[in-house]
Every structure is written in C-alpha cells, then in structure tokens.
Amino acid sequence: MAHQADWEAALASGSYHGSADDRRDGFIHFSNGALIPESAAKHRAGQRDLLLICCDPAALGKALKWERSRNGIDFPHLYRPLDPAEALWSVPLPLNDQGVHVFPEDLA
C-alpha cells in the first residue's frame, strides 16, 4: 500500500522508498493477499488516498526476504527501493461508510 501522492512521485522519479515507517525500519513492508486486509486495519486504519500495489515476489529477487513478524507469521520485506515498473498493477483502496478499506474481491 502507498499513498497516491507518494506513488505518483515514485512513478515520476523511478523509485519508491516506502512510507516513513518503512524508511525507519530499513525495508519496505509487503504483505500477501490473505494478510493485507489485517495489515491495513492495523497500520493504515482510516487512511484515505491509499493505493493497493501488487508485485510479483519472484521478480523482486533476493532483496525480498520473508521474515517472522507478528503472531509468528512470515511477512515479505524488501531491502531496497522499489522501481514502480516492477508493480504488476495498482488500484485505489477506498474506505467504506465505517472507515474500513474496501479490497478487490479477487484478492488472493
């Protein structure tokens, strides 16, 4: 996930360095389709103007590392900037009337 303005800046520059939390932690936080709604609720609750961005993990190479995180679950972390050209697609991540992000139905 990224704020639309940050992603647009990355498209213009050719490099996405992640959110302030990503930069603080030293890697870009990724998630898989099954876990992304929980991650959004925990870390991006109520945030507007977000995009859901999909990447092929294999294409990110050895800089993508799966590491144990909350509840003993492995999460992918990218230890380099992301070239926006590596994204397969991005879609808006709107909020519903209760302020919860609405994800694409075919998210897997």
PDB file of N, CA and C in Angstrom:
ATOM      1  N   MET A   1       0.845  -1.170   0.000  1.00  0.00           N
ATOM      2  CA  MET A   1       0.000   0.000   0.000  1.00  0.00           C
ATOM      3  C   MET A   1       0.895   1.239   0.000  1.00  0.00           C
ATOM      4  N   ALA A   2       0.426   2.249  -0.670  1.00  0.00           N
ATOM      5  CA  ALA A   2       1.141   3.523  -0.684  1.00  0.00           C
ATOM      6  C   ALA A   2       0.118   4.634  -0.841  1.00  0.00           C
ATOM      7  N   HIS A   3       0.458   5.790  -0.303  1.00  0.00           N
ATOM      8  CA  HIS A   3      -0.393   6.950  -0.551  1.00  0.00           C
ATOM      9  C   HIS A   3      -0.248   7.333  -2.018  1.00  0.00           C
ATOM     10  N   GLN A   4      -1.347   7.734  -2.616  1.00  0.00           N
ATOM     11  CA  GLN A   4      -1.360   8.033  -4.043  1.00  0.00           C
ATOM     12  C   GLN A   4      -0.297   9.064  -4.409  1.00  0.00           C
ATOM     13  N   ALA A   5      -0.155  10.129  -3.629  1.00  0.00           N
ATOM     14  CA  ALA A   5       0.838  11.163  -3.949  1.00  0.00           C
ATOM     15  C   ALA A   5       2.255  10.597  -3.905  1.00  0.00           C
ATOM     16  N   ASP A   6       2.534   9.714  -2.938  1.00  0.00           N
ATOM     17  CA  ASP A   6       3.866   9.105  -2.840  1.00  0.00           C
ATOM     18  C   ASP A   6       4.132   8.208  -4.045  1.00  0.00           C
ATOM     19  N   TRP A   7       3.111   7.453  -4.465  1.00  0.00           N
ATOM     20  CA  TRP A   7       3.279   6.562  -5.613  1.00  0.00           C
ATOM     21  C   TRP A   7       3.456   7.361  -6.897  1.00  0.00           C
ATOM     22  N   GLU A   8       2.710   8.452  -7.039  1.00  0.00           N
ATOM     23  CA  GLU A   8       2.863   9.304  -8.215  1.00  0.00           C
ATOM     24  C   GLU A   8       4.266   9.899  -8.268  1.00  0.00           C
ATOM     25  N   ALA A   9       4.805  10.295  -7.109  1.00  0.00           N
ATOM     26  CA  ALA A   9       6.174  10.803  -7.059  1.00  0.00           C
ATOM     27  C   ALA A   9       7.166   9.705  -7.450  1.00  0.00           C
ATOM     28  N   ALA A  10       6.904   8.484  -7.012  1.00  0.00           N
ATOM     29  CA  ALA A  10       7.771   7.356  -7.365  1.00  0.00           C
ATOM     30  C   ALA A  10       7.709   7.071  -8.866  1.00  0.00           C
ATOM     31  N   LEU A  11       6.531   7.165  -9.447  1.00  0.00           N
ATOM     32  CA  LEU A  11       6.399   6.962 -10.896  1.00  0.00           C
ATOM     33  C   LEU A  11       7.226   7.998 -11.653  1.00  0.00           C
ATOM     34  N   ALA A  12       7.219   9.229 -11.153  1.00  0.00           N
ATOM     35  CA  ALA A  12       7.974  10.302 -11.808  1.00  0.00           C
ATOM     36  C   ALA A  12       9.482  10.129 -11.638  1.00  0.00           C
ATOM     37  N   SER A  13       9.905   9.655 -10.455  1.00  0.00           N
ATOM     38  CA  SER A  13      11.341   9.540 -10.167  1.00  0.00           C
ATOM     39  C   SER A  13      11.925   8.175 -10.527  1.00  0.00           C
ATOM     40  N   GLY A  14      11.045   7.151 -10.626  1.00  0.00           N
ATOM     41  CA  GLY A  14      11.514   5.800 -10.905  1.00  0.00           C
ATOM     42  C   GLY A  14      11.930   5.018  -9.678  1.00  0.00           C
ATOM     43  N   SER A  15      11.572   5.534  -8.474  1.00  0.00           N
ATOM     44  CA  SER A  15      12.000   4.851  -7.256  1.00  0.00           C
ATOM     45  C   SER A  15      11.042   5.152  -6.109  1.00  0.00           C
ATOM     46  N   TYR A  16      10.570   4.083  -5.460  1.00  0.00           N
ATOM     47  CA  TYR A  16       9.717   4.219  -4.276  1.00  0.00           C
ATOM     48  C   TYR A  16      10.509   3.726  -3.070  1.00  0.00           C
ATOM     49  N   HIS A  17      10.663   4.601  -2.084  1.00  0.00           N
ATOM     50  CA  HIS A  17      11.451   4.290  -0.890  1.00  0.00           C
ATOM     51  C   HIS A  17      10.583   3.916   0.296  1.00  0.00           C
ATOM     52  N   GLY A  18       9.294   3.829   0.093  1.00  0.00           N
ATOM     53  CA  GLY A  18       8.387   3.406   1.148  1.00  0.00           C
ATOM     54  C   GLY A  18       7.869   4.554   1.995  1.00  0.00           C
ATOM     55  N   SER A  19       7.068   4.167   2.968  1.00  0.00           N
ATOM     56  CA  SER A  19       6.476   5.127   3.901  1.00  0.00           C
ATOM     57  C   SER A  19       7.516   5.552   4.937  1.00  0.00           C
ATOM     58  N   ALA A  20       7.146   6.473   5.789  1.00  0.00           N
ATOM     59  CA  ALA A  20       8.037   6.885   6.882  1.00  0.00           C
ATOM     60  C   ALA A  20       8.367   5.683   7.765  1.00  0.00           C
ATOM     61  N   ASP A  21       7.391   4.816   8.013  1.00  0.00           N
ATOM     62  CA  ASP A  21       7.641   3.609   8.812  1.00  0.00           C
ATOM     63  C   ASP A  21       8.629   2.680   8.104  1.00  0.00           C
ATOM     64  N   ASP A  22       8.475   2.526   6.794  1.00  0.00           N
ATOM     65  CA  ASP A  22       9.396   1.696   6.025  1.00  0.00           C
ATOM     66  C   ASP A  22      10.825   2.232   6.143  1.00  0.00           C
ATOM     67  N   ARG A  23      10.965   3.520   5.929  1.00  0.00           N
ATOM     68  CA  ARG A  23      12.304   4.117   5.982  1.00  0.00           C
ATOM     69  C   ARG A  23      12.904   3.980   7.375  1.00  0.00           C
ATOM     70  N   ARG A  24      12.085   4.126   8.404  1.00  0.00           N
ATOM     71  CA  ARG A  24      12.561   3.952   9.781  1.00  0.00           C
ATOM     72  C   ARG A  24      13.032   2.521  10.019  1.00  0.00           C
ATOM     73  N   ASP A  25      12.288   1.549   9.489  1.00  0.00           N
ATOM     74  CA  ASP A  25      12.594   0.144   9.724  1.00  0.00           C
ATOM     75  C   ASP A  25      13.698  -0.397   8.810  1.00  0.00           C
ATOM     76  N   GLY A  26      14.014   0.319   7.744  1.00  0.00           N
ATOM     77  CA  GLY A  26      15.093  -0.094   6.853  1.00  0.00           C
ATOM     78  C   GLY A  26      14.672  -1.030   5.741  1.00  0.00           C
ATOM     79  N   PHE A  27      13.379  -1.197   5.538  1.00  0.00           N
ATOM     80  CA  PHE A  27      12.860  -2.033   4.454  1.00  0.00           C
ATOM     81  C   PHE A  27      11.433  -1.619   4.156  1.00  0.00           C
ATOM     82  N   ILE A  28      10.962  -1.996   2.955  1.00  0.00           N
ATOM     83  CA  ILE A  28       9.573  -1.730   2.589  1.00  0.00           C
ATOM     84  C   ILE A  28       8.742  -2.924   3.020  1.00  0.00           C
ATOM     85  N   HIS A  29       7.721  -2.658   3.822  1.00  0.00           N
ATOM     86  CA  HIS A  29       6.827  -3.711   4.299  1.00  0.00           C
ATOM     87  C   HIS A  29       5.901  -4.157   3.171  1.00  0.00           C
ATOM     88  N   PHE A  30       5.867  -5.433   2.931  1.00  0.00           N
ATOM     89  CA  PHE A  30       4.940  -6.036   1.978  1.00  0.00           C
ATOM     90  C   PHE A  30       4.024  -6.975   2.756  1.00  0.00           C
ATOM     91  N   SER A  31       3.029  -7.485   2.091  1.00  0.00           N
ATOM     92  CA  SER A  31       2.130  -8.466   2.675  1.00  0.00           C
ATOM     93  C   SER A  31       1.635  -9.347   1.545  1.00  0.00           C
ATOM     94  N   ASN A  32       0.979 -10.443   1.887  1.00  0.00           N
ATOM     95  CA  ASN A  32       0.366 -11.245   0.829  1.00  0.00           C
ATOM     96  C   ASN A  32      -1.128 -10.956   0.795  1.00  0.00           C
ATOM     97  N   GLY A  33      -1.800 -11.449  -0.223  1.00  0.00           N
ATOM     98  CA  GLY A  33      -3.217 -11.136  -0.416  1.00  0.00           C
ATOM     99  C   GLY A  33      -4.089 -11.497   0.765  1.00  0.00           C
ATOM    100  N   ALA A  34      -3.809 -12.628   1.400  1.00  0.00           N
ATOM    101  CA  ALA A  34      -4.636 -13.070   2.521  1.00  0.00           C
ATOM    102  C   ALA A  34      -4.441 -12.210   3.760  1.00  0.00           C
ATOM    103  N   LEU A  35      -3.266 -11.615   3.917  1.00  0.00           N
ATOM    104  CA  LEU A  35      -2.948 -10.864   5.136  1.00  0.00           C
ATOM    105  C   LEU A  35      -3.082  -9.354   5.001  1.00  0.00           C
ATOM    106  N   ILE A  36      -3.205  -8.859   3.776  1.00  0.00           N
ATOM    107  CA  ILE A  36      -3.197  -7.409   3.577  1.00  0.00           C
ATOM    108  C   ILE A  36      -4.377  -6.695   4.253  1.00  0.00           C
ATOM    109  N   PRO A  37      -5.592  -7.243   4.287  1.00  0.00           N
ATOM    110  CA  PRO A  37      -6.658  -6.519   4.994  1.00  0.00           C
ATOM    111  C   PRO A  37      -6.344  -6.317   6.484  1.00  0.00           C
ATOM    112  N   GLU A  38      -5.773  -7.329   7.121  1.00  0.00           N
ATOM    113  CA  GLU A  38      -5.407  -7.195   8.535  1.00  0.00           C
ATOM    114  C   GLU A  38      -4.290  -6.163   8.708  1.00  0.00           C
ATOM    115  N   SER A  39      -3.324  -6.172   7.809  1.00  0.00           N
ATOM    116  CA  SER A  39      -2.237  -5.192   7.875  1.00  0.00           C
ATOM    117  C   SER A  39      -2.767  -3.775   7.688  1.00  0.00           C
ATOM    118  N   ALA A  40      -3.692  -3.609   6.762  1.00  0.00           N
ATOM    119  CA  ALA A  40      -4.276  -2.282   6.540  1.00  0.00           C
ATOM    120  C   ALA A  40      -5.016  -1.806   7.775  1.00  0.00           C
ATOM    121  N   ALA A  41      -5.792  -2.698   8.395  1.00  0.00           N
ATOM    122  CA  ALA A  41      -6.545  -2.323   9.595  1.00  0.00           C
ATOM    123  C   ALA A  41      -5.613  -1.963  10.742  1.00  0.00           C
ATOM    124  N   LYS A  42      -4.494  -2.665  10.844  1.00  0.00           N
ATOM    125  CA  LYS A  42      -3.564  -2.429  11.949  1.00  0.00           C
ATOM    126  C   LYS A  42      -2.703  -1.186  11.735  1.00  0.00           C
ATOM    127  N   HIS A  43      -2.207  -0.991  10.499  1.00  0.00           N
ATOM    128  CA  HIS A  43      -1.214   0.052  10.256  1.00  0.00           C
ATOM    129  C   HIS A  43      -1.712   1.251   9.447  1.00  0.00           C
ATOM    130  N   ARG A  44      -2.845   1.106   8.772  1.00  0.00           N
ATOM    131  CA  ARG A  44      -3.330   2.187   7.895  1.00  0.00           C
ATOM    132  C   ARG A  44      -4.795   2.513   8.139  1.00  0.00           C
ATOM    133  N   ALA A  45      -5.309   2.183   9.301  1.00  0.00           N
ATOM    134  CA  ALA A  45      -6.736   2.381   9.607  1.00  0.00           C
ATOM    135  C   ALA A  45      -7.166   3.821   9.323  1.00  0.00           C
ATOM    136  N   GLY A  46      -8.231   3.942   8.549  1.00  0.00           N
ATOM    137  CA  GLY A  46      -8.833   5.240   8.270  1.00  0.00           C
ATOM    138  C   GLY A  46      -8.071   6.119   7.295  1.00  0.00           C
ATOM    139  N   GLN A  47      -6.931   5.671   6.811  1.00  0.00           N
ATOM    140  CA  GLN A  47      -6.143   6.498   5.892  1.00  0.00           C
ATOM    141  C   GLN A  47      -6.795   6.521   4.515  1.00  0.00           C
ATOM    142  N   ARG A  48      -6.925   7.724   4.002  1.00  0.00           N
ATOM    143  CA  ARG A  48      -7.513   7.927   2.680  1.00  0.00           C
ATOM    144  C   ARG A  48      -6.413   7.995   1.622  1.00  0.00           C
ATOM    145  N   ASP A  49      -6.816   7.966   0.382  1.00  0.00           N
ATOM    146  CA  ASP A  49      -5.913   8.138  -0.763  1.00  0.00           C
ATOM    147  C   ASP A  49      -4.823   7.077  -0.825  1.00  0.00           C
ATOM    148  N   LEU A  50      -5.160   5.858  -0.400  1.00  0.00           N
ATOM    149  CA  LEU A  50      -4.205   4.754  -0.499  1.00  0.00           C
ATOM    150  C   LEU A  50      -4.407   3.992  -1.799  1.00  0.00           C
ATOM    151  N   LEU A  51      -3.323   3.446  -2.294  1.00  0.00           N
ATOM    152  CA  LEU A  51      -3.361   2.537  -3.425  1.00  0.00           C
ATOM    153  C   LEU A  51      -2.898   1.171  -2.945  1.00  0.00           C
ATOM    154  N   LEU A  52      -3.510   0.149  -3.464  1.00  0.00           N
ATOM    155  CA  LEU A  52      -3.058  -1.215  -3.261  1.00  0.00           C
ATOM    156  C   LEU A  52      -2.185  -1.539  -4.464  1.00  0.00           C
ATOM    157  N   ILE A  53      -0.948  -1.939  -4.204  1.00  0.00           N
ATOM    158  CA  ILE A  53       0.023  -2.174  -5.266  1.00  0.00           C
ATOM    159  C   ILE A  53       0.451  -3.637  -5.220  1.00  0.00           C
ATOM    160  N   CYS A  54       0.401  -4.292  -6.357  1.00  0.00           N
ATOM    161  CA  CYS A  54       0.741  -5.707  -6.434  1.00  0.00           C
ATOM    162  C   CYS A  54       2.059  -5.893  -7.186  1.00  0.00           C
ATOM    163  N   CYS A  55       2.925  -6.719  -6.618  1.00  0.00           N
ATOM    164  CA  CYS A  55       4.200  -7.065  -7.245  1.00  0.00           C
ATOM    165  C   CYS A  55       4.348  -8.581  -7.262  1.00  0.00           C
ATOM    166  N   ASP A  56       5.100  -9.075  -8.221  1.00  0.00           N
ATOM    167  CA  ASP A  56       5.445 -10.494  -8.278  1.00  0.00           C
ATOM    168  C   ASP A  56       6.654 -10.704  -7.371  1.00  0.00           C
ATOM    169  N   PRO A  57       6.510 -11.466  -6.291  1.00  0.00           N
ATOM    170  CA  PRO A  57       7.633 -11.641  -5.368  1.00  0.00           C
ATOM    171  C   PRO A  57       8.893 -12.181  -6.053  1.00  0.00           C
ATOM    172  N   ALA A  58       8.740 -13.090  -6.996  1.00  0.00           N
ATOM    173  CA  ALA A  58       9.904 -13.673  -7.669  1.00  0.00           C
ATOM    174  C   ALA A  58      10.685 -12.618  -8.440  1.00  0.00           C
ATOM    175  N   ALA A  59       9.992 -11.627  -8.973  1.00  0.00           N
ATOM    176  CA  ALA A  59      10.649 -10.588  -9.766  1.00  0.00           C
ATOM    177  C   ALA A  59      11.461  -9.622  -8.906  1.00  0.00           C
ATOM    178  N   LEU A  60      11.202  -9.595  -7.601  1.00  0.00           N
ATOM    179  CA  LEU A  60      11.915  -8.662  -6.719  1.00  0.00           C
ATOM    180  C   LEU A  60      13.276  -9.196  -6.283  1.00  0.00           C
ATOM    181  N   GLY A  61      13.529 -10.450  -6.563  1.00  0.00           N
ATOM    182  CA  GLY A  61      14.848 -11.007  -6.323  1.00  0.00           C
ATOM    183  C   GLY A  61      15.188 -11.240  -4.858  1.00  0.00           C
ATOM    184  N   LYS A  62      16.482 -11.354  -4.612  1.00  0.00           N
ATOM    185  CA  LYS A  62      16.976 -11.689  -3.272  1.00  0.00           C
ATOM    186  C   LYS A  62      16.793 -10.572  -2.257  1.00  0.00           C
ATOM    187  N   ALA A  63      16.478  -9.362  -2.706  1.00  0.00           N
ATOM    188  CA  ALA A  63      16.249  -8.251  -1.779  1.00  0.00           C
ATOM    189  C   ALA A  63      14.931  -8.404  -1.030  1.00  0.00           C
ATOM    190  N   LEU A  64      14.053  -9.300  -1.503  1.00  0.00           N
ATOM    191  CA  LEU A  64      12.794  -9.585  -0.810  1.00  0.00           C
ATOM    192  C   LEU A  64      13.034 -10.764   0.126  1.00  0.00           C
ATOM    193  N   LYS A  65      12.887 -10.512   1.407  1.00  0.00           N
ATOM    194  CA  LYS A  65      13.126 -11.542   2.412  1.00  0.00           C
ATOM    195  C   LYS A  65      11.858 -11.763   3.223  1.00  0.00           C
ATOM    196  N   TRP A  66      11.517 -13.037   3.423  1.00  0.00           N
ATOM    197  CA  TRP A  66      10.369 -13.397   4.251  1.00  0.00           C
ATOM    198  C   TRP A  66      10.870 -13.555   5.677  1.00  0.00           C
ATOM    199  N   GLU A  67      10.306 -12.760   6.586  1.00  0.00           N
ATOM    200  CA  GLU A  67      10.784 -12.745   7.965  1.00  0.00           C
ATOM    201  C   GLU A  67       9.625 -12.862   8.941  1.00  0.00           C
ATOM    202  N   ARG A  68       9.890 -13.543  10.025  1.00  0.00           N
ATOM    203  CA  ARG A  68       8.884 -13.756  11.059  1.00  0.00           C
ATOM    204  C   ARG A  68       8.498 -12.422  11.686  1.00  0.00           C
ATOM    205  N   SER A  69       7.202 -12.235  11.852  1.00  0.00           N
ATOM    206  CA  SER A  69       6.683 -10.999  12.433  1.00  0.00           C
ATOM    207  C   SER A  69       5.594 -11.363  13.424  1.00  0.00           C
ATOM    208  N   ARG A  70       4.561 -10.527  13.482  1.00  0.00           N
ATOM    209  CA  ARG A  70       3.518 -10.715  14.490  1.00  0.00           C
ATOM    210  C   ARG A  70       2.873 -12.097  14.410  1.00  0.00           C
ATOM    211  N   ASN A  71       2.554 -12.626  15.555  1.00  0.00           N
ATOM    212  CA  ASN A  71       1.880 -13.918  15.666  1.00  0.00           C
ATOM    213  C   ASN A  71       2.620 -15.060  14.965  1.00  0.00           C
ATOM    214  N   GLY A  72       3.941 -14.920  14.824  1.00  0.00           N
ATOM    215  CA  GLY A  72       4.723 -15.983  14.212  1.00  0.00           C
ATOM    216  C   GLY A  72       4.513 -16.133  12.720  1.00  0.00           C
ATOM    217  N   ILE A  73       3.943 -15.134  12.073  1.00  0.00           N
ATOM    218  CA  ILE A  73       3.652 -15.181  10.637  1.00  0.00           C
ATOM    219  C   ILE A  73       4.816 -14.558   9.873  1.00  0.00           C
ATOM    220  N   ASP A  74       5.194 -15.165   8.754  1.00  0.00           N
ATOM    221  CA  ASP A  74       6.242 -14.618   7.907  1.00  0.00           C
ATOM    222  C   ASP A  74       5.651 -13.559   6.978  1.00  0.00           C
ATOM    223  N   PHE A  75       6.324 -12.404   6.932  1.00  0.00           N
ATOM    224  CA  PHE A  75       5.931 -11.304   6.057  1.00  0.00           C
ATOM    225  C   PHE A  75       7.094 -10.975   5.136  1.00  0.00           C
ATOM    226  N   PRO A  76       6.807 -10.548   3.907  1.00  0.00           N
ATOM    227  CA  PRO A  76       7.876 -10.153   2.995  1.00  0.00           C
ATOM    228  C   PRO A  76       8.330  -8.714   3.257  1.00  0.00           C
ATOM    229  N   HIS A  77       9.641  -8.525   3.258  1.00  0.00           N
ATOM    230  CA  HIS A  77      10.252  -7.205   3.447  1.00  0.00           C
ATOM    231  C   HIS A  77      11.233  -6.977   2.306  1.00  0.00           C
ATOM    232  N   LEU A  78      11.121  -5.832   1.659  1.00  0.00           N
ATOM    233  CA  LEU A  78      12.001  -5.506   0.536  1.00  0.00           C
ATOM    234  C   LEU A  78      13.117  -4.591   1.019  1.00  0.00           C
ATOM    235  N   TYR A  79      14.344  -5.057   0.908  1.00  0.00           N
ATOM    236  CA  TYR A  79      15.511  -4.322   1.389  1.00  0.00           C
ATOM    237  C   TYR A  79      16.187  -3.534   0.276  1.00  0.00           C
ATOM    238  N   ARG A  80      15.417  -2.786  -0.443  1.00  0.00           N
ATOM    239  CA  ARG A  80      15.889  -1.853  -1.470  1.00  0.00           C
ATOM    240  C   ARG A  80      14.690  -1.036  -1.927  1.00  0.00           C
ATOM    241  N   PRO A  81      14.949   0.092  -2.591  1.00  0.00           N
ATOM    242  CA  PRO A  81      13.825   0.836  -3.158  1.00  0.00           C
ATOM    243  C   PRO A  81      13.121  -0.008  -4.223  1.00  0.00           C
ATOM    244  N   LEU A  82      11.852   0.256  -4.403  1.00  0.00           N
ATOM    245  CA  LEU A  82      11.048  -0.421  -5.408  1.00  0.00           C
ATOM    246  C   LEU A  82      10.972   0.438  -6.657  1.00  0.00           C
ATOM    247  N   ASP A  83      11.322  -0.140  -7.782  1.00  0.00           N
ATOM    248  CA  ASP A  83      11.121   0.530  -9.061  1.00  0.00           C
ATOM    249  C   ASP A  83       9.640   0.380  -9.390  1.00  0.00           C
ATOM    250  N   PRO A  84       8.903   1.462  -9.564  1.00  0.00           N
ATOM    251  CA  PRO A  84       7.473   1.339  -9.854  1.00  0.00           C
ATOM    252  C   PRO A  84       7.164   0.482 -11.079  1.00  0.00           C
ATOM    253  N   ALA A  85       8.117   0.347 -11.984  1.00  0.00           N
ATOM    254  CA  ALA A  85       7.914  -0.514 -13.153  1.00  0.00           C
ATOM    255  C   ALA A  85       7.798  -1.982 -12.747  1.00  0.00           C
ATOM    256  N   GLU A  86       8.228  -2.329 -11.534  1.00  0.00           N
ATOM    257  CA  GLU A  86       8.115  -3.700 -11.044  1.00  0.00           C
ATOM    258  C   GLU A  86       6.701  -4.037 -10.573  1.00  0.00           C
ATOM    259  N   ALA A  87       5.863  -3.044 -10.415  1.00  0.00           N
ATOM    260  CA  ALA A  87       4.482  -3.284  -9.987  1.00  0.00           C
ATOM    261  C   ALA A  87       3.687  -3.894 -11.132  1.00  0.00           C
ATOM    262  N   LEU A  88       2.917  -4.918 -10.806  1.00  0.00           N
ATOM    263  CA  LEU A  88       2.036  -5.530 -11.794  1.00  0.00           C
ATOM    264  C   LEU A  88       0.808  -4.666 -12.028  1.00  0.00           C
ATOM    265  N   TRP A  89       0.279  -4.105 -10.951  1.00  0.00           N
ATOM    266  CA  TRP A  89      -0.890  -3.235 -11.027  1.00  0.00           C
ATOM    267  C   TRP A  89      -1.044  -2.459  -9.729  1.00  0.00           C
ATOM    268  N   SER A  90      -1.835  -1.414  -9.790  1.00  0.00           N
ATOM    269  CA  SER A  90      -2.228  -0.660  -8.595  1.00  0.00           C
ATOM    270  C   SER A  90      -3.682  -0.247  -8.764  1.00  0.00           C
ATOM    271  N   VAL A  91      -4.410  -0.258  -7.649  1.00  0.00           N
ATOM    272  CA  VAL A  91      -5.816   0.148  -7.649  1.00  0.00           C
ATOM    273  C   VAL A  91      -6.082   0.990  -6.403  1.00  0.00           C
ATOM    274  N   PRO A  92      -7.035   1.916  -6.484  1.00  0.00           N
ATOM    275  CA  PRO A  92      -7.405   2.681  -5.292  1.00  0.00           C
ATOM    276  C   PRO A  92      -7.939   1.760  -4.201  1.00  0.00           C
ATOM    277  N   LEU A  93      -7.694   2.146  -2.966  1.00  0.00           N
ATOM    278  CA  LEU A  93      -8.148   1.394  -1.802  1.00  0.00           C
ATOM    279  C   LEU A  93      -9.083   2.302  -0.996  1.00  0.00           C
ATOM    280  N   PRO A  94     -10.347   2.389  -1.418  1.00  0.00           N
ATOM    281  CA  PRO A  94     -11.283   3.319  -0.777  1.00  0.00           C
ATOM    282  C   PRO A  94     -11.709   2.840   0.613  1.00  0.00           C
ATOM    283  N   LEU A  95     -12.311   3.759   1.337  1.00  0.00           N
ATOM    284  CA  LEU A  95     -12.899   3.457   2.643  1.00  0.00           C
ATOM    285  C   LEU A  95     -14.408   3.295   2.488  1.00  0.00           C
ATOM    286  N   ASN A  96     -14.991   2.357   3.233  1.00  0.00           N
ATOM    287  CA  ASN A  96     -16.447   2.231   3.234  1.00  0.00           C
ATOM    288  C   ASN A  96     -17.040   3.193   4.255  1.00  0.00           C
ATOM    289  N   ASP A  97     -18.350   3.130   4.476  1.00  0.00           N
ATOM    290  CA  ASP A  97     -19.032   4.051   5.394  1.00  0.00           C
ATOM    291  C   ASP A  97     -18.568   3.919   6.838  1.00  0.00           C
ATOM    292  N   GLN A  98     -17.980   2.776   7.175  1.00  0.00           N
ATOM    293  CA  GLN A  98     -17.470   2.550   8.528  1.00  0.00           C
ATOM    294  C   GLN A  98     -15.983   2.909   8.648  1.00  0.00           C
ATOM    295  N   GLY A  99     -15.390   3.425   7.570  1.00  0.00           N
ATOM    296  CA  GLY A  99     -13.987   3.816   7.597  1.00  0.00           C
ATOM    297  C   GLY A  99     -13.018   2.660   7.444  1.00  0.00           C
ATOM    298  N   VAL A 100     -13.507   1.535   6.896  1.00  0.00           N
ATOM    299  CA  VAL A 100     -12.678   0.345   6.680  1.00  0.00           C
ATOM    300  C   VAL A 100     -12.339   0.260   5.195  1.00  0.00           C
ATOM    301  N   HIS A 101     -11.088  -0.082   4.887  1.00  0.00           N
ATOM    302  CA  HIS A 101     -10.680  -0.178   3.485  1.00  0.00           C
ATOM    303  C   HIS A 101     -11.425  -1.299   2.765  1.00  0.00           C
ATOM    304  N   VAL A 102     -11.793  -1.005   1.522  1.00  0.00           N
ATOM    305  CA  VAL A 102     -12.513  -1.958   0.675  1.00  0.00           C
ATOM    306  C   VAL A 102     -11.508  -2.521  -0.331  1.00  0.00           C
ATOM    307  N   PHE A 103     -11.294  -3.840  -0.253  1.00  0.00           N
ATOM    308  CA  PHE A 103     -10.315  -4.520  -1.093  1.00  0.00           C
ATOM    309  C   PHE A 103     -10.998  -5.152  -2.299  1.00  0.00           C
ATOM    310  N   PRO A 104     -10.230  -5.340  -3.387  1.00  0.00           N
ATOM    311  CA  PRO A 104     -10.794  -6.038  -4.547  1.00  0.00           C
ATOM    312  C   PRO A 104     -11.296  -7.414  -4.145  1.00  0.00           C
ATOM    313  N   GLU A 105     -12.391  -7.845  -4.732  1.00  0.00           N
ATOM    314  CA  GLU A 105     -12.995  -9.134  -4.386  1.00  0.00           C
ATOM    315  C   GLU A 105     -12.108 -10.308  -4.738  1.00  0.00           C
ATOM    316  N   ASP A 106     -11.301 -10.177  -5.780  1.00  0.00           N
ATOM    317  CA  ASP A 106     -10.491 -11.308  -6.225  1.00  0.00           C
ATOM    318  C   ASP A 106      -9.095 -11.344  -5.596  1.00  0.00           C
ATOM    319  N   LEU A 107      -8.914 -10.628  -4.514  1.00  0.00           N
ATOM    320  CA  LEU A 107      -7.632 -10.610  -3.822  1.00  0.00           C
ATOM    321  C   LEU A 107      -7.359 -11.999  -3.238  1.00  0.00           C
ATOM    322  N   ALA A 108      -6.199 -12.548  -3.571  1.00  0.00           N
ATOM    323  CA  ALA A 108      -5.860 -13.887  -3.080  1.00  0.00           C
ATOM    324  C   ALA A 108      -4.560 -13.879  -2.342  1.00  0.00           C
TER     325      ALA A 108
END
